[in-house]
Amino acid sequence: MGRRSDYDIWYDKYQPINRDEDNFLYETYGEDLEYIKRQEDKFVWTLIDSDNGLYLSPGIHLVNRLAYIVCKNPFDYGNVRDYKY
């Protein structure tokens, strides 16, 4: 069995919540952003575009953001990292 991807590890650990049938990404503006702002930070991840590719970063970020994700399981700020998307 091959090595699991960073994305698969993140997905299994934090369990993103689908907002509709097969999509868990929230927009960064409008009603979606207002919804994200009402969530506890420890449940929100930001999909970020960096020079090294796309990453899932814990919390609500404003720079280089592409989308937000709300997860079932919270992260711990003292023990969390970015994950390659």
C-alpha atoms as a PDB file:
ATOM      1  CA  MET A   1       0.000   0.000   0.000  1.00  0.00           C
ATOM      2  CA  GLY A   2       1.348   3.410  -0.989  1.00  0.00           C
ATOM      3  CA  ARG A   3       1.989   6.409   1.175  1.00  0.00           C
ATOM      4  CA  ARG A   4      -1.092   8.473   1.979  1.00  0.00           C
ATOM      5  CA  SER A   5      -1.250  11.998   0.613  1.00  0.00           C
ATOM      6  CA  ASP A   6      -1.233  15.036   2.881  1.00  0.00           C
ATOM      7  CA  TYR A   7      -4.770  15.775   1.685  1.00  0.00           C
ATOM      8  CA  ASP A   8      -6.026  12.292   2.629  1.00  0.00           C
ATOM      9  CA  ILE A   9      -4.482  12.585   6.097  1.00  0.00           C
ATOM     10  CA  TRP A  10      -6.100  16.016   6.589  1.00  0.00           C
ATOM     11  CA  TYR A  11      -9.478  14.822   5.245  1.00  0.00           C
ATOM     12  CA  ASP A  12      -9.638  11.810   7.572  1.00  0.00           C
ATOM     13  CA  LYS A  13      -8.433  13.737  10.620  1.00  0.00           C
ATOM     14  CA  TYR A  14     -10.620  16.868  10.359  1.00  0.00           C
ATOM     15  CA  GLN A  15     -13.584  15.608   8.282  1.00  0.00           C
ATOM     16  CA  PRO A  16     -14.764  18.540   6.154  1.00  0.00           C
ATOM     17  CA  ILE A  17     -18.519  19.098   6.206  1.00  0.00           C
ATOM     18  CA  ASN A  18     -20.232  19.079   2.822  1.00  0.00           C
ATOM     19  CA  ARG A  19     -22.247  22.212   2.159  1.00  0.00           C
ATOM     20  CA  ASP A  20     -24.166  20.460  -0.598  1.00  0.00           C
ATOM     21  CA  GLU A  21     -24.117  17.081  -2.297  1.00  0.00           C
ATOM     22  CA  ASP A  22     -20.401  16.912  -3.099  1.00  0.00           C
ATOM     23  CA  ASN A  23     -18.808  20.269  -2.310  1.00  0.00           C
ATOM     24  CA  PHE A  24     -17.269  21.522   0.919  1.00  0.00           C
ATOM     25  CA  LEU A  25     -15.684  24.762  -0.360  1.00  0.00           C
ATOM     26  CA  TYR A  26     -17.086  28.142   0.693  1.00  0.00           C
ATOM     27  CA  GLU A  27     -16.536  31.347  -1.256  1.00  0.00           C
ATOM     28  CA  THR A  28     -14.469  34.176   0.241  1.00  0.00           C
ATOM     29  CA  TYR A  29     -17.179  36.832  -0.095  1.00  0.00           C
ATOM     30  CA  GLY A  30     -20.887  37.487   0.370  1.00  0.00           C
ATOM     31  CA  GLU A  31     -23.140  35.122   2.289  1.00  0.00           C
ATOM     32  CA  ASP A  32     -20.467  32.409   2.396  1.00  0.00           C
ATOM     33  CA  LEU A  33     -17.984  34.751   4.081  1.00  0.00           C
ATOM     34  CA  GLU A  34     -20.630  35.879   6.581  1.00  0.00           C
ATOM     35  CA  TYR A  35     -21.287  32.217   7.403  1.00  0.00           C
ATOM     36  CA  ILE A  36     -17.548  31.555   7.875  1.00  0.00           C
ATOM     37  CA  LYS A  37     -17.204  34.543  10.212  1.00  0.00           C
ATOM     38  CA  ARG A  38     -19.876  33.027  12.473  1.00  0.00           C
ATOM     39  CA  GLN A  39     -17.914  29.771  12.879  1.00  0.00           C
ATOM     40  CA  GLU A  40     -15.377  29.088  15.619  1.00  0.00           C
ATOM     41  CA  ASP A  41     -11.879  29.532  14.155  1.00  0.00           C
ATOM     42  CA  LYS A  42     -10.773  26.064  15.259  1.00  0.00           C
ATOM     43  CA  PHE A  43     -13.228  24.476  12.795  1.00  0.00           C
ATOM     44  CA  VAL A  44     -12.302  26.599   9.735  1.00  0.00           C
ATOM     45  CA  TRP A  45      -9.529  25.985   7.223  1.00  0.00           C
ATOM     46  CA  THR A  46      -8.407  28.219   4.342  1.00  0.00           C
ATOM     47  CA  LEU A  47      -7.388  26.901   0.932  1.00  0.00           C
ATOM     48  CA  ILE A  48      -4.350  29.003   0.035  1.00  0.00           C
ATOM     49  CA  ASP A  49      -2.507  29.464  -3.268  1.00  0.00           C
ATOM     50  CA  SER A  50       1.244  29.707  -2.623  1.00  0.00           C
ATOM     51  CA  ASP A  51       4.380  29.606  -4.763  1.00  0.00           C
ATOM     52  CA  ASN A  52       4.676  25.910  -3.835  1.00  0.00           C
ATOM     53  CA  GLY A  53       1.105  24.966  -4.759  1.00  0.00           C
ATOM     54  CA  LEU A  54      -2.198  24.799  -2.922  1.00  0.00           C
ATOM     55  CA  TYR A  55      -2.294  24.320   0.844  1.00  0.00           C
ATOM     56  CA  LEU A  56      -4.903  23.884   3.547  1.00  0.00           C
ATOM     57  CA  SER A  57      -4.054  26.220   6.391  1.00  0.00           C
ATOM     58  CA  PRO A  58      -5.811  26.251   9.784  1.00  0.00           C
ATOM     59  CA  GLY A  59      -7.956  29.261  10.608  1.00  0.00           C
ATOM     60  CA  ILE A  60      -9.362  32.152   8.602  1.00  0.00           C
ATOM     61  CA  HIS A  61      -6.739  33.758   6.354  1.00  0.00           C
ATOM     62  CA  LEU A  62      -7.136  36.758   4.076  1.00  0.00           C
ATOM     63  CA  VAL A  63      -4.012  36.665   1.901  1.00  0.00           C
ATOM     64  CA  ASN A  64      -3.883  34.305  -1.123  1.00  0.00           C
ATOM     65  CA  ARG A  65      -7.137  32.645  -0.073  1.00  0.00           C
ATOM     66  CA  LEU A  66      -9.138  30.674  -2.618  1.00  0.00           C
ATOM     67  CA  ALA A  67     -11.857  29.181  -0.414  1.00  0.00           C
ATOM     68  CA  TYR A  68     -12.820  28.281   3.138  1.00  0.00           C
ATOM     69  CA  ILE A  69     -13.707  24.876   4.573  1.00  0.00           C
ATOM     70  CA  VAL A  70     -15.621  24.059   7.754  1.00  0.00           C
ATOM     71  CA  CYS A  71     -14.693  20.780   9.445  1.00  0.00           C
ATOM     72  CA  LYS A  72     -16.407  18.503  11.931  1.00  0.00           C
ATOM     73  CA  ASN A  73     -13.272  18.085  14.048  1.00  0.00           C
ATOM     74  CA  PRO A  74     -11.453  21.106  15.505  1.00  0.00           C
ATOM     75  CA  PHE A  75      -7.732  21.685  15.271  1.00  0.00           C
ATOM     76  CA  ASP A  76      -5.449  22.610  18.162  1.00  0.00           C
ATOM     77  CA  TYR A  77      -3.446  25.804  17.530  1.00  0.00           C
ATOM     78  CA  GLY A  78      -0.568  24.380  19.561  1.00  0.00           C
ATOM     79  CA  ASN A  79      -0.323  21.246  17.449  1.00  0.00           C
ATOM     80  CA  VAL A  80      -1.352  21.912  13.858  1.00  0.00           C
ATOM     81  CA  ARG A  81       0.285  22.404  10.480  1.00  0.00           C
ATOM     82  CA  ASP A  82      -0.514  23.191   6.864  1.00  0.00           C
ATOM     83  CA  TYR A  83      -1.420  20.331   4.534  1.00  0.00           C
ATOM     84  CA  LYS A  84      -0.684  20.100   0.802  1.00  0.00           C
ATOM     85  CA  TYR A  85      -3.959  20.136  -1.143  1.00  0.00           C
END
